[in-house]
Amino acid sequence: MPGPILCSQCDKTESNCNCDKYCTICKGQINVKLCADGLYYCPDCREACDVALANEYSEH
């Protein structure tokens, strides 16, 4: 079973990550969340790219 999803920059979980959080696609900083690929996305880009949130992905 896979472990928790980690930030691709610092290898820490979202709650422990101290990186500047911005969307990988548009560089926005509002409501960005760590996703299943280890990158941060805003809600619009996350939906457009159909990327699951890290906490949702790691629970399944």
N, C-alpha and C. Protein backbone atom coordinates (compact mmCIF):
# COMPACT_ATOMS: atom_id res chain seq x y z
N MET A 1 0.85 -1.18 0.00
CA MET A 1 0.00 0.00 0.00
C MET A 1 0.89 1.24 0.00
N PRO A 2 0.61 2.19 -0.90
CA PRO A 2 1.45 3.38 -0.97
C PRO A 2 1.33 4.23 0.29
N GLY A 3 2.41 4.93 0.61
CA GLY A 3 2.43 5.81 1.77
C GLY A 3 1.78 7.14 1.44
N PRO A 4 1.94 8.10 2.31
CA PRO A 4 1.35 9.43 2.08
C PRO A 4 2.00 10.11 0.88
N ILE A 5 1.26 11.00 0.25
CA ILE A 5 1.78 11.78 -0.87
C ILE A 5 2.67 12.89 -0.30
N LEU A 6 3.84 13.05 -0.88
CA LEU A 6 4.80 14.03 -0.40
C LEU A 6 5.02 15.13 -1.43
N CYS A 7 5.34 16.31 -0.94
CA CYS A 7 5.68 17.44 -1.80
C CYS A 7 6.89 17.06 -2.65
N SER A 8 6.84 17.34 -3.93
CA SER A 8 7.94 16.98 -4.83
C SER A 8 9.19 17.82 -4.58
N GLN A 9 9.06 18.94 -3.89
CA GLN A 9 10.22 19.80 -3.62
C GLN A 9 10.94 19.44 -2.33
N CYS A 10 10.17 19.17 -1.26
CA CYS A 10 10.80 18.98 0.05
C CYS A 10 10.61 17.58 0.63
N ASP A 11 9.85 16.74 -0.04
CA ASP A 11 9.58 15.37 0.42
C ASP A 11 8.91 15.31 1.79
N LYS A 12 8.01 16.26 2.05
CA LYS A 12 7.22 16.27 3.29
C LYS A 12 5.74 16.27 2.92
N THR A 13 4.91 15.85 3.88
CA THR A 13 3.47 15.90 3.66
C THR A 13 3.02 17.35 3.61
N GLU A 14 1.81 17.59 3.10
CA GLU A 14 1.31 18.96 2.95
C GLU A 14 1.30 19.70 4.29
N SER A 15 0.92 19.03 5.37
CA SER A 15 0.85 19.70 6.67
C SER A 15 2.23 20.07 7.22
N ASN A 16 3.28 19.40 6.76
CA ASN A 16 4.65 19.69 7.22
C ASN A 16 5.47 20.48 6.21
N CYS A 17 4.92 20.70 5.04
CA CYS A 17 5.62 21.39 3.95
C CYS A 17 5.71 22.89 4.24
N ASN A 18 6.92 23.44 4.13
CA ASN A 18 7.12 24.88 4.32
C ASN A 18 7.47 25.58 3.02
N CYS A 19 7.30 24.90 1.90
CA CYS A 19 7.58 25.50 0.59
C CYS A 19 6.58 26.60 0.29
N ASP A 20 6.96 27.53 -0.61
CA ASP A 20 5.99 28.50 -1.11
C ASP A 20 4.98 27.72 -1.92
N LYS A 21 3.73 27.81 -1.55
CA LYS A 21 2.68 27.02 -2.21
C LYS A 21 2.02 27.85 -3.30
N TYR A 22 2.17 27.39 -4.54
CA TYR A 22 1.53 28.05 -5.68
C TYR A 22 1.19 26.99 -6.70
N CYS A 23 0.21 27.28 -7.53
CA CYS A 23 -0.26 26.33 -8.54
C CYS A 23 0.82 26.07 -9.58
N THR A 24 1.04 24.82 -9.87
CA THR A 24 2.04 24.41 -10.85
C THR A 24 1.72 24.95 -12.24
N ILE A 25 0.43 25.08 -12.56
CA ILE A 25 0.01 25.49 -13.90
C ILE A 25 -0.05 27.02 -14.04
N CYS A 26 -0.87 27.67 -13.20
CA CYS A 26 -1.12 29.11 -13.38
C CYS A 26 -0.35 30.01 -12.42
N LYS A 27 0.35 29.41 -11.46
CA LYS A 27 1.14 30.12 -10.45
C LYS A 27 0.29 30.87 -9.44
N GLY A 28 -1.04 30.61 -9.42
CA GLY A 28 -1.92 31.22 -8.43
C GLY A 28 -1.61 30.70 -7.03
N GLN A 29 -1.96 31.47 -6.00
CA GLN A 29 -1.65 31.09 -4.63
C GLN A 29 -2.91 30.91 -3.77
N ILE A 30 -4.08 31.00 -4.36
CA ILE A 30 -5.32 30.91 -3.60
C ILE A 30 -5.85 29.49 -3.61
N ASN A 31 -6.05 28.93 -2.42
CA ASN A 31 -6.62 27.59 -2.23
C ASN A 31 -5.83 26.48 -2.92
N VAL A 32 -4.51 26.62 -3.01
CA VAL A 32 -3.71 25.55 -3.61
C VAL A 32 -3.59 24.38 -2.63
N LYS A 33 -3.64 23.18 -3.17
CA LYS A 33 -3.55 21.96 -2.36
C LYS A 33 -2.58 21.00 -3.02
N LEU A 34 -1.93 20.19 -2.20
CA LEU A 34 -1.06 19.14 -2.69
C LEU A 34 -1.91 18.06 -3.34
N CYS A 35 -1.49 17.61 -4.51
CA CYS A 35 -2.26 16.60 -5.23
C CYS A 35 -1.48 15.30 -5.36
N ALA A 36 -2.13 14.32 -5.97
CA ALA A 36 -1.62 12.95 -6.04
C ALA A 36 -0.26 12.84 -6.73
N ASP A 37 0.11 13.82 -7.55
CA ASP A 37 1.40 13.76 -8.25
C ASP A 37 2.51 14.48 -7.49
N GLY A 38 2.21 14.99 -6.28
CA GLY A 38 3.22 15.66 -5.47
C GLY A 38 3.38 17.13 -5.78
N LEU A 39 2.53 17.67 -6.64
CA LEU A 39 2.57 19.08 -7.01
C LEU A 39 1.34 19.80 -6.46
N TYR A 40 1.43 21.12 -6.38
CA TYR A 40 0.31 21.92 -5.89
C TYR A 40 -0.50 22.47 -7.06
N TYR A 41 -1.83 22.48 -6.88
CA TYR A 41 -2.75 23.00 -7.89
C TYR A 41 -3.84 23.83 -7.23
N CYS A 42 -4.31 24.87 -7.94
CA CYS A 42 -5.48 25.62 -7.50
C CYS A 42 -6.72 24.82 -7.91
N PRO A 43 -7.88 25.15 -7.37
CA PRO A 43 -9.09 24.38 -7.71
C PRO A 43 -9.39 24.32 -9.21
N ASP A 44 -9.25 25.43 -9.93
CA ASP A 44 -9.58 25.44 -11.36
C ASP A 44 -8.63 24.54 -12.17
N CYS A 45 -7.35 24.64 -11.92
CA CYS A 45 -6.38 23.82 -12.65
C CYS A 45 -6.49 22.35 -12.24
N ARG A 46 -6.78 22.11 -10.96
CA ARG A 46 -6.95 20.74 -10.49
C ARG A 46 -8.12 20.08 -11.20
N GLU A 47 -9.20 20.82 -11.35
CA GLU A 47 -10.37 20.28 -12.05
C GLU A 47 -10.09 20.09 -13.54
N ALA A 48 -9.44 21.07 -14.15
CA ALA A 48 -9.14 20.98 -15.59
C ALA A 48 -8.21 19.82 -15.91
N CYS A 49 -7.27 19.54 -15.00
CA CYS A 49 -6.31 18.45 -15.23
C CYS A 49 -6.77 17.13 -14.62
N ASP A 50 -7.90 17.15 -13.93
CA ASP A 50 -8.47 15.96 -13.31
C ASP A 50 -7.45 15.27 -12.39
N VAL A 51 -6.87 16.06 -11.48
CA VAL A 51 -5.89 15.54 -10.54
C VAL A 51 -6.54 15.44 -9.16
N ALA A 52 -6.36 14.30 -8.51
CA ALA A 52 -6.95 14.07 -7.18
C ALA A 52 -6.11 14.75 -6.11
N LEU A 53 -6.77 15.20 -5.05
CA LEU A 53 -6.05 15.76 -3.90
C LEU A 53 -5.23 14.65 -3.25
N ALA A 54 -4.11 15.03 -2.66
CA ALA A 54 -3.22 14.04 -2.04
C ALA A 54 -3.92 13.29 -0.92
N ASN A 55 -4.69 13.97 -0.08
CA ASN A 55 -5.33 13.27 1.04
C ASN A 55 -6.42 12.34 0.57
N GLU A 56 -7.10 12.67 -0.52
CA GLU A 56 -8.13 11.76 -1.07
C GLU A 56 -7.47 10.55 -1.70
N TYR A 57 -6.37 10.76 -2.38
CA TYR A 57 -5.67 9.70 -3.09
C TYR A 57 -5.07 8.70 -2.10
N SER A 58 -4.47 9.18 -1.03
CA SER A 58 -3.79 8.29 -0.09
C SER A 58 -4.76 7.52 0.79
N GLU A 59 -6.02 7.92 0.86
CA GLU A 59 -7.00 7.21 1.67
C GLU A 59 -7.55 5.98 0.94
N HIS A 60 -7.44 5.94 -0.39
CA HIS A 60 -8.02 4.83 -1.16
C HIS A 60 -7.04 3.74 -1.39
